[in-house]
Amino acid sequence: MTTDSGSGRECGTDAPLVHIFADESCLGNQFENRRNPGAAAGLIERFDERGGWYRRDFAHFDPDTTNNRMAITSGIVGLGALRRACRVVFTSDSQYLVRGMKEWVHGWARRGWRRKGGPIENLDLWRELVRVAARHRVEWRWTRGHADDVKNSYADHLAVTAARERRGSDGLVPSGFESWLAAAQEREKFVEFLDLPSDAFTEDPRPPAPERAAGD
């Protein structure tokens, strides 16, 4: 993916279509008064008619976090890894993330980043995600976790592995999706899965414009 200095507001209908499947993990949520390591991870893929699939993985580790913070972080890291403005189908099993970007951030921004029920939790991450997402045209899709969504299951595998091994990927790395899928199919899982591209895309309302720093 080549670099592109254009903003998401200039991202046209001919921009590359990219799919991101992301998930989060947080270990030890059941315990109090202890650090809970977690991770945000996912698969980024694009299909080219001549070259076939282009796939990369990402993983971000945090030594002390929550599931919700890692869900938002999966959006920040995944979208932030794209080096040019794209049309993006972002799939996650976190309703917190998907509803936040489809519904909540718009009202919060209109009210000066406040909500009626009190302070906005994880406000720092929501603002950063809004900033990163503004470059792109994004469709936020929710999928049921731990079901039959193959690529969500792979993203879950990446997140759990990063949390357990306590390390991220330090940027994008070649994807292990094909070998992971082959191993799963040897265990008779996902045997009916067809790895076909999809061009379905329905853009969600753009997030509010990022706040400008003083002096901009």
Protein backbone atom coordinates (compact mmCIF):
# COMPACT_ATOMS: atom_id res chain seq x y z
CA MET A 1 0.00 0.00 0.00
CA THR A 2 1.61 3.20 -1.15
CA THR A 3 1.70 6.37 0.89
CA ASP A 4 -0.86 9.02 0.21
CA SER A 5 -0.94 12.50 1.68
CA GLY A 6 -4.62 13.07 0.98
CA SER A 7 -7.15 13.19 3.81
CA GLY A 8 -10.12 10.91 4.26
CA ARG A 9 -12.36 13.79 3.20
CA GLU A 10 -10.81 13.43 -0.27
CA CYS A 11 -11.10 9.63 -0.35
CA GLY A 12 -13.15 8.87 -3.47
CA THR A 13 -15.21 5.94 -4.66
CA ASP A 14 -12.20 4.60 -6.59
CA ALA A 15 -10.06 4.31 -3.45
CA PRO A 16 -8.79 0.80 -2.65
CA LEU A 17 -11.24 -1.41 -0.77
CA VAL A 18 -9.62 -2.93 2.30
CA HIS A 19 -11.09 -5.32 4.86
CA ILE A 20 -9.93 -5.30 8.48
CA PHE A 21 -10.96 -8.06 10.88
CA ALA A 22 -10.01 -7.08 14.42
CA ASP A 23 -10.42 -8.46 17.92
CA GLU A 24 -9.24 -7.80 21.44
CA SER A 25 -8.20 -9.82 24.46
CA CYS A 26 -7.69 -9.01 28.13
CA LEU A 27 -6.41 -11.64 30.53
CA GLY A 28 -7.37 -11.75 34.19
CA ASN A 29 -10.48 -9.54 34.08
CA GLN A 30 -11.95 -11.66 36.87
CA PHE A 31 -9.25 -10.55 39.31
CA GLU A 32 -9.12 -7.27 41.19
CA ASN A 33 -6.09 -5.27 42.29
CA ARG A 34 -3.77 -6.79 39.70
CA ARG A 35 -2.48 -5.85 36.27
CA ASN A 36 -4.46 -7.27 33.38
CA PRO A 37 -2.38 -7.73 30.20
CA GLY A 38 -4.23 -7.49 26.92
CA ALA A 39 -3.88 -7.07 23.21
CA ALA A 40 -5.56 -5.70 20.12
CA ALA A 41 -4.91 -7.54 16.88
CA GLY A 42 -6.25 -8.20 13.44
CA LEU A 43 -6.00 -9.14 9.80
CA ILE A 44 -5.80 -6.53 7.01
CA GLU A 45 -6.54 -7.77 3.51
CA ARG A 46 -7.06 -6.49 -0.02
CA PHE A 47 -7.78 -8.47 -3.17
CA ASP A 48 -6.12 -7.65 -6.47
CA GLU A 49 -7.44 -9.30 -9.63
CA ARG A 50 -3.94 -9.84 -10.97
CA GLY A 51 -1.99 -10.48 -7.78
CA GLY A 52 -4.61 -12.18 -5.63
CA TRP A 53 -4.76 -11.64 -1.88
CA TYR A 54 -2.53 -9.13 -0.09
CA ARG A 55 -2.66 -9.84 3.64
CA ARG A 56 -0.92 -8.49 6.71
CA ASP A 57 -1.41 -9.01 10.46
CA PHE A 58 -1.01 -6.58 13.33
CA ALA A 59 -0.89 -6.97 17.10
CA HIS A 60 -0.56 -4.41 19.89
CA PHE A 61 0.24 -5.48 23.46
CA ASP A 62 -0.60 -3.55 26.64
CA PRO A 63 0.62 -4.79 30.05
CA ASP A 64 -2.39 -3.38 31.93
CA THR A 65 -5.65 -2.65 30.12
CA THR A 66 -9.31 -3.54 29.58
CA ASN A 67 -11.29 -5.21 26.82
CA ASN A 68 -12.94 -1.93 25.86
CA ARG A 69 -9.64 -0.06 25.60
CA MET A 70 -8.22 -2.83 23.44
CA ALA A 71 -11.31 -2.78 21.21
CA ILE A 72 -10.80 0.92 20.46
CA THR A 73 -7.07 0.34 20.06
CA SER A 74 -7.75 -2.28 17.41
CA GLY A 75 -9.35 0.46 15.33
CA ILE A 76 -6.52 2.92 15.95
CA VAL A 77 -3.79 0.43 15.06
CA GLY A 78 -5.62 -1.21 12.17
CA LEU A 79 -6.70 1.98 10.40
CA GLY A 80 -3.46 3.70 11.31
CA ALA A 81 -1.49 1.01 9.49
CA LEU A 82 -3.03 1.99 6.13
CA ARG A 83 -0.56 4.19 4.28
CA ARG A 84 -3.11 5.77 1.97
CA ALA A 85 -6.75 6.81 2.16
CA CYS A 86 -8.97 3.77 1.62
CA ARG A 87 -12.50 2.50 1.68
CA VAL A 88 -12.48 0.17 4.67
CA VAL A 89 -14.85 -2.52 5.88
CA PHE A 90 -13.91 -2.85 9.55
CA THR A 91 -15.35 -5.97 11.22
CA SER A 92 -15.26 -6.51 14.99
CA ASP A 93 -17.22 -8.50 17.55
CA SER A 94 -17.10 -5.52 19.94
CA GLN A 95 -20.44 -3.73 20.03
CA TYR A 96 -18.72 -1.10 22.16
CA LEU A 97 -16.40 -0.23 19.27
CA VAL A 98 -18.91 -0.55 16.44
CA ARG A 99 -21.75 1.33 18.13
CA GLY A 100 -19.28 3.92 19.37
CA MET A 101 -18.13 4.80 15.86
CA LYS A 102 -21.52 4.41 14.17
CA GLU A 103 -23.56 6.25 16.81
CA TRP A 104 -21.96 7.63 19.94
CA VAL A 105 -19.01 9.74 18.77
CA HIS A 106 -21.25 11.99 16.68
CA GLY A 107 -23.38 13.04 19.66
CA TRP A 108 -20.37 13.37 21.93
CA ALA A 109 -18.65 15.69 19.48
CA ARG A 110 -21.75 17.88 19.11
CA ARG A 111 -21.83 18.26 22.90
CA GLY A 112 -18.15 19.16 23.16
CA TRP A 113 -17.09 15.58 23.92
CA ARG A 114 -19.45 15.22 26.82
CA ARG A 115 -22.34 12.89 27.49
CA LYS A 116 -25.41 13.22 29.64
CA GLY A 117 -24.51 10.31 31.88
CA GLY A 118 -21.17 11.72 32.97
CA PRO A 119 -17.58 11.57 31.74
CA ILE A 120 -16.86 9.57 28.59
CA GLU A 121 -14.82 6.50 29.41
CA ASN A 122 -11.66 6.06 27.33
CA LEU A 123 -12.05 9.54 25.86
CA ASP A 124 -8.37 9.72 24.92
CA LEU A 125 -8.69 6.64 22.72
CA TRP A 126 -12.01 7.66 21.15
CA ARG A 127 -10.51 10.99 20.08
CA GLU A 128 -7.47 9.27 18.64
CA LEU A 129 -9.63 6.80 16.72
CA VAL A 130 -11.73 9.64 15.30
CA ARG A 131 -8.54 11.31 14.13
CA VAL A 132 -7.22 8.16 12.46
CA ALA A 133 -10.56 7.20 10.89
CA ALA A 134 -11.05 10.64 9.34
CA ARG A 135 -8.59 9.77 6.55
CA HIS A 136 -10.78 6.93 5.31
CA ARG A 137 -14.32 6.02 4.33
CA VAL A 138 -15.29 3.29 6.78
CA GLU A 139 -18.12 0.80 7.14
CA TRP A 140 -18.20 -0.51 10.71
CA ARG A 141 -19.57 -4.06 10.86
CA TRP A 142 -20.40 -6.10 13.94
CA THR A 143 -20.09 -9.89 13.95
CA ARG A 144 -20.95 -12.33 16.71
CA GLY A 145 -17.81 -13.46 18.50
CA HIS A 146 -16.81 -17.11 18.89
CA ALA A 147 -19.23 -18.11 16.13
CA ASP A 148 -18.55 -19.19 12.54
CA ASP A 149 -16.88 -16.04 11.24
CA VAL A 150 -13.54 -17.47 10.08
CA LYS A 151 -11.60 -14.24 9.91
CA ASN A 152 -12.96 -12.99 13.22
CA SER A 153 -11.81 -16.28 14.73
CA TYR A 154 -8.36 -15.67 13.28
CA ALA A 155 -8.28 -12.14 14.72
CA ASP A 156 -9.25 -13.60 18.10
CA HIS A 157 -6.37 -16.06 17.78
CA LEU A 158 -3.95 -13.20 17.08
CA ALA A 159 -5.19 -11.14 20.04
CA VAL A 160 -5.13 -14.00 22.55
CA THR A 161 -1.66 -15.07 21.39
CA ALA A 162 -0.28 -11.53 21.71
CA ALA A 163 -1.76 -11.15 25.20
CA ARG A 164 -0.44 -14.51 26.40
CA GLU A 165 3.02 -14.02 24.88
CA ARG A 166 3.05 -10.39 26.05
CA ARG A 167 4.30 -8.96 22.79
CA GLY A 168 2.97 -7.11 19.78
CA SER A 169 4.03 -7.26 16.15
CA ASP A 170 5.80 -3.88 15.92
CA GLY A 171 3.87 -2.88 12.79
CA LEU A 172 2.42 -4.98 10.00
CA VAL A 173 3.81 -8.46 9.43
CA PRO A 174 3.13 -11.11 6.77
CA SER A 175 -0.12 -12.83 7.59
CA GLY A 176 -0.35 -16.36 8.90
CA PHE A 177 -4.02 -16.66 7.97
CA GLU A 178 -3.61 -19.28 5.25
CA SER A 179 -1.51 -21.63 7.40
CA TRP A 180 -3.83 -21.09 10.39
CA LEU A 181 -6.85 -21.92 8.22
CA ALA A 182 -5.18 -25.03 6.78
CA ALA A 183 -4.43 -26.28 10.30
CA ALA A 184 -8.02 -25.60 11.39
CA GLN A 185 -9.41 -27.46 8.37
CA GLU A 186 -7.22 -30.46 9.21
CA ARG A 187 -9.13 -30.52 12.50
CA GLU A 188 -12.35 -30.39 10.44
CA LYS A 189 -13.14 -26.78 11.31
CA PHE A 190 -14.23 -24.22 8.71
CA VAL A 191 -14.14 -26.93 6.02
CA GLU A 192 -16.86 -25.23 3.97
CA PHE A 193 -15.17 -21.83 4.00
CA LEU A 194 -14.52 -20.32 0.55
CA ASP A 195 -11.84 -17.64 0.50
CA LEU A 196 -13.61 -15.34 -1.96
CA PRO A 197 -13.30 -11.54 -2.14
CA SER A 198 -16.27 -9.26 -1.52
CA ASP A 199 -16.78 -5.78 -2.94
CA ALA A 200 -19.82 -4.99 -0.75
CA PHE A 201 -19.33 -1.62 0.93
CA THR A 202 -21.79 0.77 2.56
CA GLU A 203 -20.09 3.79 4.11
CA ASP A 204 -21.20 4.82 7.58
CA PRO A 205 -21.53 8.52 8.47
CA ARG A 206 -18.11 10.13 8.65
CA PRO A 207 -16.79 10.69 12.16
CA PRO A 208 -16.65 14.30 13.37
CA ALA A 209 -13.70 16.30 12.10
CA PRO A 210 -10.65 15.86 14.35
CA GLU A 211 -9.89 18.72 16.66
CA ARG A 212 -7.10 21.00 15.48
CA ALA A 213 -4.20 21.73 17.74
CA ALA A 214 -3.72 25.31 18.90
CA GLY A 215 -2.00 27.35 16.21
CA ASP A 216 -3.15 25.16 13.27
